[in-house]
Amino acid sequence: MKLSVDSHLKINEVFLKNLWNERIDVELDKDTIIKDGWYEVNFPYTGDKNEITDIRINDESIAHLLHTGYYKSRLVMTKTRVESIAHLLYTGYYVDDNGDCHQPASAMWDDGGVFKIWIHTKLGIMFERFMNEIANSKFGSRLFDDYMLTVDKPVTLKKQWPESIRTFFEHGDGPHWWNKNKDTVPYKVVNNVKVNKDDVLRETQRICVHTDNIFNGKVTINSVRKSCQPELPFYELDSQACPTLKKLVDTIGFTNILTIDTQILEPNSFLRMHKDDIYEKDVLPYIRNCKKFYWTLSDHTECYFKIGKSGLLPLDKPTLINNVEHVHSVVSERNDYRTILSIYGELPDDK
C-alpha cells in the first residue's frame, strides 16, 4: 500500500495502530506491507495548524467535494486497485491535548492532538460495517451526538481457560458505531457518581439479606429480593436508612427499583458466555437495553468483562449495561475476590 497525503502544510508524521495497539510507522509515498485487518490511522499535530485536503493511495487522488463546510474525501487501502470510501471519512475525529474529541474534523491544531480514523484493508468489510451502522443523513454531522464508538481489541489471558472463553476474548472485532437510540447499545457510562464505595457496601450489607450461588457456585449474590432476581412490584428503598444508595439511585436516574444486590466472584474464575434474555418475564421492559447498573466496588485489576462486539467494559467507571441483547463473559485472573454492585430499576424512558 502506498499512502500519499495533500495538506495545507507538509505532513511530517503519520502512523497506524493495529488492534493490539502496536504502532506501525508509515512513510508517505512509499509502499508499506501490512496484514489485512482494522487499523487506526493517526495524524499527530507536529507544531503548526494543518488540514488534510486530499489522500492518495497508489498514486491516485481520493479528493472529494467539501460539503456543508466540512471536509469530505476518499481513502483507499488496497495493494492492487484504488477504490473510494467517499463520505466514510466522516467517521474520523480529532482528539485534542485535553482528550476531548472533535468530529467531524480533518485538521490538527494543538500540542498533543491527533486526527484519527479507523480503516480496514479490505474495503468491502469497511463499507458494509460503517454504511450498515451509520445512517447516510448523519455523515458530515457530529457522530458522537448520535452514536457511541467502541473498539473491540484482542485480550490475551494469562491463565488456562476453556477454549470458548479464550477465543472469545482473544478475538478483536474492531470498531463499531452504535446508534444511541436503538436497543443494541452495549453500555452507557454513568457520569457524576459521587458516593463513597465503602458507604455503599455498608448499606447493602444492611439490606441485601438474601443469598444465592450461581454459575456453579462461582458467584455469591446478596440481594434485597428473596429470589435474588429483578421482580415486581417495585422495591421500596428506605432513604433514611440508606442515604448513600438513595443518592446513587437518583444519580443513575431510576424512578423505581426492581432489585439491589452485590455479586462476589471467586478468585481465578470465569463466567461462561451467556445472555440474560429472560424475555418471558413481566420485568422485561425494565431490564432490556442499557438498564442494569454495574459498578465494581473492589479492586478490578486482572478482571475482564467482555460484552459482545463492543469489547471490554470500562470497569473503572459505573455503567448501565445491556446484558439482555449481548453475549458477555467475565474472567478474573485475580487471586482475590471481586465485588460488584448491581441495580435494576425503572428509567424514565421505560415502556
Protein backbone atom coordinates (compact mmCIF):
# COMPACT_ATOMS: atom_id res chain seq x y z
CA MET A 1 0.00 0.00 0.00
CA LYS A 2 1.30 3.43 -0.92
CA LEU A 3 -0.12 6.32 1.10
CA SER A 4 0.12 9.94 -0.08
CA VAL A 5 -1.42 12.99 1.60
CA ASP A 6 -2.04 16.56 0.41
CA SER A 7 -2.41 19.16 3.15
CA HIS A 8 -2.01 22.88 3.74
CA LEU A 9 1.43 22.12 5.16
CA LYS A 10 3.65 19.09 4.71
CA ILE A 11 2.63 16.07 6.82
CA ASN A 12 5.67 15.18 8.90
CA GLU A 13 4.25 12.19 10.76
CA VAL A 14 1.59 9.56 10.20
CA PHE A 15 1.33 6.12 11.75
CA LEU A 16 -1.05 3.21 12.12
CA LYS A 17 -2.10 1.30 15.21
CA ASN A 18 -3.42 -2.24 14.91
CA LEU A 19 -5.90 -3.87 17.28
CA TRP A 20 -3.04 -4.91 19.56
CA ASN A 21 -2.19 -1.21 19.89
CA GLU A 22 1.10 -1.78 18.11
CA ARG A 23 2.42 1.24 16.27
CA ILE A 24 3.32 0.90 12.60
CA ASP A 25 5.16 3.88 11.16
CA VAL A 26 4.23 4.76 7.60
CA GLU A 27 6.44 6.68 5.19
CA LEU A 28 4.35 8.73 2.81
CA ASP A 29 4.71 7.99 -0.90
CA LYS A 30 6.38 4.66 -0.13
CA ASP A 31 4.94 1.15 -0.35
CA THR A 32 4.10 -0.35 3.04
CA ILE A 33 3.27 -4.03 3.55
CA ILE A 34 0.76 -4.66 6.33
CA LYS A 35 -1.54 -7.56 7.27
CA ASP A 36 -5.22 -7.37 6.41
CA GLY A 37 -7.39 -6.06 9.22
CA TRP A 38 -8.54 -2.98 11.11
CA TYR A 39 -6.13 -0.09 11.67
CA GLU A 40 -6.40 3.27 13.35
CA VAL A 41 -4.69 5.88 11.17
CA ASN A 42 -3.11 8.69 13.22
CA PHE A 43 -2.11 12.16 12.01
CA PRO A 44 -0.50 13.91 15.00
CA TYR A 45 -0.14 17.67 15.39
CA THR A 46 3.54 18.46 14.77
CA GLY A 47 3.81 22.17 15.58
CA ASP A 48 1.67 24.01 13.02
CA LYS A 49 -2.06 24.02 12.40
CA ASN A 50 -2.68 21.81 9.41
CA GLU A 51 -5.61 20.42 7.44
CA ILE A 52 -5.72 17.43 5.15
CA THR A 53 -7.15 18.26 1.75
CA ASP A 54 -6.51 15.04 -0.14
CA ILE A 55 -5.35 11.49 0.41
CA ARG A 56 -3.98 9.33 -2.37
CA ILE A 57 -3.43 5.60 -2.47
CA ASN A 58 -1.19 4.08 -5.08
CA ASP A 59 -0.78 7.49 -6.79
CA GLU A 60 -4.48 8.08 -7.43
CA SER A 61 -6.19 11.09 -5.86
CA ILE A 62 -9.06 10.43 -3.50
CA ALA A 63 -10.12 14.08 -3.11
CA HIS A 64 -13.84 14.76 -2.85
CA LEU A 65 -16.10 17.75 -2.52
CA LEU A 66 -16.42 19.89 0.54
CA HIS A 67 -19.90 19.51 2.00
CA THR A 68 -21.67 21.90 4.36
CA GLY A 69 -18.37 23.39 5.43
CA TYR A 70 -16.78 20.05 6.39
CA TYR A 71 -14.03 18.19 4.58
CA LYS A 72 -15.10 15.22 2.53
CA SER A 73 -12.60 12.83 0.97
CA ARG A 74 -11.89 9.38 -0.35
CA LEU A 75 -9.49 6.81 1.02
CA VAL A 76 -8.06 3.53 -0.26
CA MET A 77 -6.42 0.60 1.49
CA THR A 78 -5.51 -2.00 -1.12
CA LYS A 79 -2.33 -3.13 -2.85
CA THR A 80 -3.69 -3.68 -6.33
CA ARG A 81 -6.54 -1.25 -7.02
CA VAL A 82 -7.93 2.10 -5.99
CA GLU A 83 -11.45 2.49 -4.57
CA SER A 84 -13.27 5.27 -2.74
CA ILE A 85 -14.67 5.31 0.78
CA ALA A 86 -16.23 8.71 -0.03
CA HIS A 87 -18.18 10.07 2.94
CA LEU A 88 -16.78 7.43 5.30
CA LEU A 89 -14.02 9.91 6.06
CA TYR A 90 -16.65 11.49 8.34
CA THR A 91 -16.00 8.62 10.74
CA GLY A 92 -12.66 10.25 11.55
CA TYR A 93 -12.23 12.51 14.56
CA TYR A 94 -9.67 14.78 16.21
CA VAL A 95 -8.54 14.26 19.81
CA ASP A 96 -7.02 17.38 21.37
CA ASP A 97 -4.45 17.63 24.15
CA ASN A 98 -7.21 17.55 26.78
CA GLY A 99 -8.55 14.26 25.44
CA ASP A 100 -11.67 15.91 24.00
CA CYS A 101 -12.98 14.61 20.67
CA HIS A 102 -13.88 16.93 17.78
CA GLN A 103 -15.88 15.46 14.94
CA PRO A 104 -16.30 15.93 12.01
CA ALA A 105 -12.75 17.17 11.52
CA SER A 106 -9.76 16.64 9.27
CA ALA A 107 -7.33 19.15 10.80
CA MET A 108 -4.67 19.12 13.52
CA TRP A 109 -4.30 22.26 15.64
CA ASP A 110 -2.86 21.86 19.15
CA ASP A 111 0.02 20.22 21.00
CA GLY A 112 -0.74 16.60 21.77
CA GLY A 113 -3.66 16.48 19.34
CA VAL A 114 -4.14 13.84 16.66
CA PHE A 115 -6.61 13.20 13.85
CA LYS A 116 -7.77 9.58 13.86
CA ILE A 117 -9.80 7.37 11.55
CA TRP A 118 -10.41 3.62 11.60
CA ILE A 119 -9.94 1.79 8.30
CA HIS A 120 -9.95 -1.81 7.11
CA THR A 121 -7.57 -3.07 4.47
CA LYS A 122 -10.46 -4.86 2.75
CA LEU A 123 -12.76 -2.09 1.63
CA GLY A 124 -15.86 -4.26 1.36
CA ILE A 125 -15.68 -5.01 5.08
CA MET A 126 -15.30 -1.32 5.89
CA PHE A 127 -18.11 -0.30 3.52
CA GLU A 128 -20.54 -2.87 4.90
CA ARG A 129 -19.86 -2.10 8.53
CA PHE A 130 -19.93 1.68 8.55
CA MET A 131 -22.75 2.01 6.00
CA ASN A 132 -24.80 -0.51 7.96
CA GLU A 133 -24.17 1.14 11.32
CA ILE A 134 -24.36 4.84 10.37
CA ALA A 135 -27.35 6.47 8.66
CA ASN A 136 -26.48 8.28 5.41
CA SER A 137 -28.01 11.50 6.72
CA LYS A 138 -25.58 11.51 9.66
CA PHE A 139 -22.36 11.64 7.65
CA GLY A 140 -21.00 15.15 7.96
CA SER A 141 -22.61 15.70 11.36
CA ARG A 142 -21.04 15.14 14.79
CA LEU A 143 -21.43 11.37 15.00
CA PHE A 144 -20.70 11.27 18.73
CA ASP A 145 -24.00 13.06 19.38
CA ASP A 146 -25.98 10.14 17.95
CA TYR A 147 -23.55 7.24 18.07
CA MET A 148 -21.22 5.53 20.50
CA LEU A 149 -17.87 4.34 19.15
CA THR A 150 -16.35 1.20 20.64
CA VAL A 151 -13.30 -0.75 19.51
CA ASP A 152 -13.18 -4.47 20.27
CA LYS A 153 -9.50 -5.33 20.76
CA PRO A 154 -7.93 -8.74 21.45
CA VAL A 155 -7.30 -9.69 25.07
CA THR A 156 -4.60 -12.26 25.78
CA LEU A 157 -5.46 -14.02 29.01
CA LYS A 158 -2.56 -15.22 31.13
CA LYS A 159 -4.05 -18.37 32.63
CA GLN A 160 -5.64 -21.50 31.22
CA TRP A 161 -9.34 -21.15 30.43
CA PRO A 162 -11.85 -23.15 28.35
CA GLU A 163 -11.43 -22.80 24.60
CA SER A 164 -14.67 -20.84 24.20
CA ILE A 165 -13.58 -18.25 26.79
CA ARG A 166 -10.04 -17.92 25.49
CA THR A 167 -11.08 -17.45 21.86
CA PHE A 168 -13.96 -15.10 22.76
CA PHE A 169 -11.57 -12.73 24.50
CA GLU A 170 -8.67 -13.03 22.07
CA HIS A 171 -10.81 -12.13 19.04
CA GLY A 172 -10.95 -8.41 18.29
CA ASP A 173 -13.79 -7.34 16.02
CA GLY A 174 -12.56 -3.77 15.61
CA PRO A 175 -14.59 -0.54 15.61
CA HIS A 176 -18.37 -0.32 15.84
CA TRP A 177 -20.67 2.72 15.78
CA TRP A 178 -23.75 2.08 17.97
CA ASN A 179 -26.90 4.14 17.43
CA LYS A 180 -27.74 5.59 20.85
CA ASN A 181 -31.47 5.44 20.06
CA LYS A 182 -31.52 1.67 19.45
CA ASP A 183 -31.71 -1.28 21.83
CA THR A 184 -28.33 -2.58 20.65
CA VAL A 185 -26.16 -0.04 22.53
CA PRO A 186 -23.89 -2.28 24.67
CA TYR A 187 -23.44 0.05 27.64
CA LYS A 188 -23.59 3.64 28.83
CA VAL A 189 -21.21 5.29 31.27
CA VAL A 190 -22.99 6.87 34.25
CA ASN A 191 -21.43 10.25 34.96
CA ASN A 192 -21.32 12.30 38.15
CA VAL A 193 -21.44 9.37 40.56
CA LYS A 194 -20.13 10.95 43.77
CA VAL A 195 -20.77 8.45 46.52
CA ASN A 196 -18.30 6.54 48.66
CA LYS A 197 -17.96 2.85 47.78
CA ASP A 198 -17.41 1.85 51.41
CA ASP A 199 -20.65 3.57 52.38
CA VAL A 200 -22.43 1.75 49.56
CA LEU A 201 -21.09 -1.60 50.78
CA ARG A 202 -22.16 -0.92 54.36
CA GLU A 203 -25.70 -0.06 53.32
CA THR A 204 -26.03 -3.07 51.02
CA GLN A 205 -24.87 -5.35 53.83
CA ARG A 206 -27.76 -3.97 55.88
CA ILE A 207 -30.50 -4.59 53.31
CA CYS A 208 -29.20 -7.35 50.99
CA VAL A 209 -30.03 -10.19 53.37
CA HIS A 210 -30.98 -12.89 50.83
CA THR A 211 -28.22 -15.07 49.38
CA ASP A 212 -27.83 -17.37 46.39
CA ASN A 213 -24.97 -19.00 44.49
CA ILE A 214 -24.90 -19.04 40.69
CA PHE A 215 -22.55 -20.12 37.91
CA ASN A 216 -21.71 -23.38 39.71
CA GLY A 217 -21.04 -21.54 42.93
CA LYS A 218 -18.52 -19.11 41.44
CA VAL A 219 -20.71 -16.09 42.23
CA THR A 220 -22.39 -15.30 45.54
CA ILE A 221 -25.35 -12.92 45.27
CA ASN A 222 -26.57 -10.90 48.25
CA SER A 223 -29.91 -9.34 47.36
CA VAL A 224 -32.87 -7.39 48.68
CA ARG A 225 -35.05 -9.97 46.90
CA LYS A 226 -35.65 -13.46 48.22
CA SER A 227 -35.48 -14.74 44.64
CA CYS A 228 -32.23 -12.81 44.06
CA GLN A 229 -33.80 -11.74 40.75
CA PRO A 230 -35.33 -8.50 39.44
CA GLU A 231 -39.07 -8.68 40.03
CA LEU A 232 -42.24 -6.69 40.51
CA PRO A 233 -43.69 -4.99 42.49
CA PHE A 234 -41.03 -2.33 42.89
CA TYR A 235 -38.77 -2.43 45.92
CA GLU A 236 -39.14 0.39 48.46
CA LEU A 237 -35.74 1.78 49.41
CA ASP A 238 -35.60 3.40 52.84
CA SER A 239 -33.87 6.69 52.09
CA GLN A 240 -33.19 7.42 55.75
CA ALA A 241 -31.57 4.05 56.43
CA CYS A 242 -29.71 4.08 53.08
CA PRO A 243 -28.98 7.71 52.16
CA THR A 244 -25.94 6.80 50.05
CA LEU A 245 -27.86 4.29 47.96
CA LYS A 246 -30.73 6.76 47.59
CA LYS A 247 -28.31 9.39 46.29
CA LEU A 248 -26.79 6.85 43.89
CA VAL A 249 -30.19 5.71 42.60
CA ASP A 250 -31.18 9.33 41.96
CA THR A 251 -27.91 9.98 40.12
CA ILE A 252 -28.46 6.94 37.90
CA GLY A 253 -31.96 8.17 37.14
CA PHE A 254 -34.02 5.26 38.44
CA THR A 255 -37.53 6.32 39.38
CA ASN A 256 -38.35 2.92 40.90
CA ILE A 257 -36.23 -0.08 41.89
CA LEU A 258 -36.61 -3.73 40.90
CA THR A 259 -33.69 -5.09 42.90
CA ILE A 260 -30.36 -4.22 44.51
CA ASP A 261 -27.63 -6.76 45.05
CA THR A 262 -23.92 -7.32 45.38
CA GLN A 263 -22.20 -10.10 43.48
CA ILE A 264 -18.94 -11.62 44.67
CA LEU A 265 -16.83 -13.51 42.12
CA GLU A 266 -14.36 -16.12 43.36
CA PRO A 267 -10.62 -15.70 42.64
CA ASN A 268 -9.29 -17.20 39.40
CA SER A 269 -12.68 -17.96 37.93
CA PHE A 270 -14.85 -17.15 34.92
CA LEU A 271 -18.48 -16.75 33.96
CA ARG A 272 -19.44 -18.70 30.85
CA MET A 273 -20.63 -16.82 27.80
CA HIS A 274 -24.33 -16.04 28.15
CA LYS A 275 -27.16 -13.54 27.64
CA ASP A 276 -29.64 -12.59 30.35
CA ASP A 277 -32.51 -12.92 27.89
CA ILE A 278 -35.40 -13.55 30.26
CA TYR A 279 -37.92 -12.32 27.69
CA GLU A 280 -40.91 -14.06 29.23
CA LYS A 281 -40.77 -12.07 32.45
CA ASP A 282 -43.03 -9.11 33.20
CA VAL A 283 -39.94 -7.08 34.11
CA LEU A 284 -38.63 -7.19 30.52
CA PRO A 285 -39.36 -3.50 29.76
CA TYR A 286 -37.27 -2.56 32.79
CA ILE A 287 -34.26 -4.78 32.06
CA ARG A 288 -33.74 -4.71 28.30
CA ASN A 289 -31.42 -2.18 26.66
CA CYS A 290 -28.90 -0.45 28.98
CA LYS A 291 -30.81 -0.99 32.22
CA LYS A 292 -28.53 -2.91 34.60
CA PHE A 293 -26.40 -0.63 36.75
CA TYR A 294 -22.98 -2.24 37.15
CA TRP A 295 -20.24 -0.85 39.37
CA THR A 296 -17.09 -2.58 40.58
CA LEU A 297 -16.73 -1.91 44.31
CA SER A 298 -13.43 -3.72 44.83
CA ASP A 299 -10.12 -3.70 43.00
CA HIS A 300 -10.72 -4.86 39.43
CA THR A 301 -7.10 -5.40 38.38
CA GLU A 302 -6.86 -8.52 36.17
CA CYS A 303 -10.64 -8.70 35.80
CA TYR A 304 -12.13 -8.60 32.31
CA PHE A 305 -15.77 -8.17 31.28
CA LYS A 306 -16.33 -8.51 27.54
CA ILE A 307 -19.74 -7.52 26.22
CA GLY A 308 -20.48 -8.68 22.69
CA LYS A 309 -18.62 -7.00 19.86
CA SER A 310 -18.09 -3.80 21.82
CA GLY A 311 -15.03 -5.18 23.62
CA LEU A 312 -14.14 -4.75 27.27
CA LEU A 313 -16.44 -2.93 29.66
CA PRO A 314 -14.62 0.01 31.32
CA LEU A 315 -14.58 -1.39 34.85
CA ASP A 316 -13.09 1.82 36.23
CA LYS A 317 -16.42 3.56 35.57
CA PRO A 318 -20.00 2.93 36.75
CA THR A 319 -22.11 1.81 33.79
CA LEU A 320 -25.57 0.79 32.65
CA ILE A 321 -25.04 -2.41 30.67
CA ASN A 322 -27.12 -4.14 28.03
CA ASN A 323 -26.80 -7.72 29.22
CA VAL A 324 -30.02 -8.83 27.51
CA GLU A 325 -29.08 -8.16 23.88
CA HIS A 326 -25.35 -9.01 24.00
CA VAL A 327 -23.47 -12.20 24.76
CA HIS A 328 -20.99 -11.49 27.54
CA SER A 329 -18.45 -13.16 29.78
CA VAL A 330 -16.31 -12.30 32.78
CA VAL A 331 -12.85 -13.59 33.63
CA SER A 332 -10.99 -12.91 36.88
CA GLU A 333 -7.30 -13.75 36.94
CA ARG A 334 -7.05 -12.24 40.42
CA ASN A 335 -6.00 -14.17 43.49
CA ASP A 336 -8.65 -12.28 45.46
CA TYR A 337 -12.43 -11.84 45.38
CA ARG A 338 -14.09 -9.24 43.18
CA THR A 339 -17.28 -7.46 44.29
CA ILE A 340 -19.73 -5.52 42.12
CA LEU A 341 -22.94 -3.63 42.83
CA SER A 342 -25.92 -4.39 40.61
CA ILE A 343 -29.18 -2.43 40.49
CA TYR A 344 -32.17 -2.85 38.20
CA GLY A 345 -34.84 -0.18 38.13
CA GLU A 346 -37.29 1.87 36.12
CA LEU A 347 -35.85 4.63 33.95
CA PRO A 348 -37.97 7.49 32.56
CA ASP A 349 -37.92 6.04 29.01
CA ASP A 350 -39.17 2.57 30.04
CA LYS A 351 -42.35 1.44 28.36
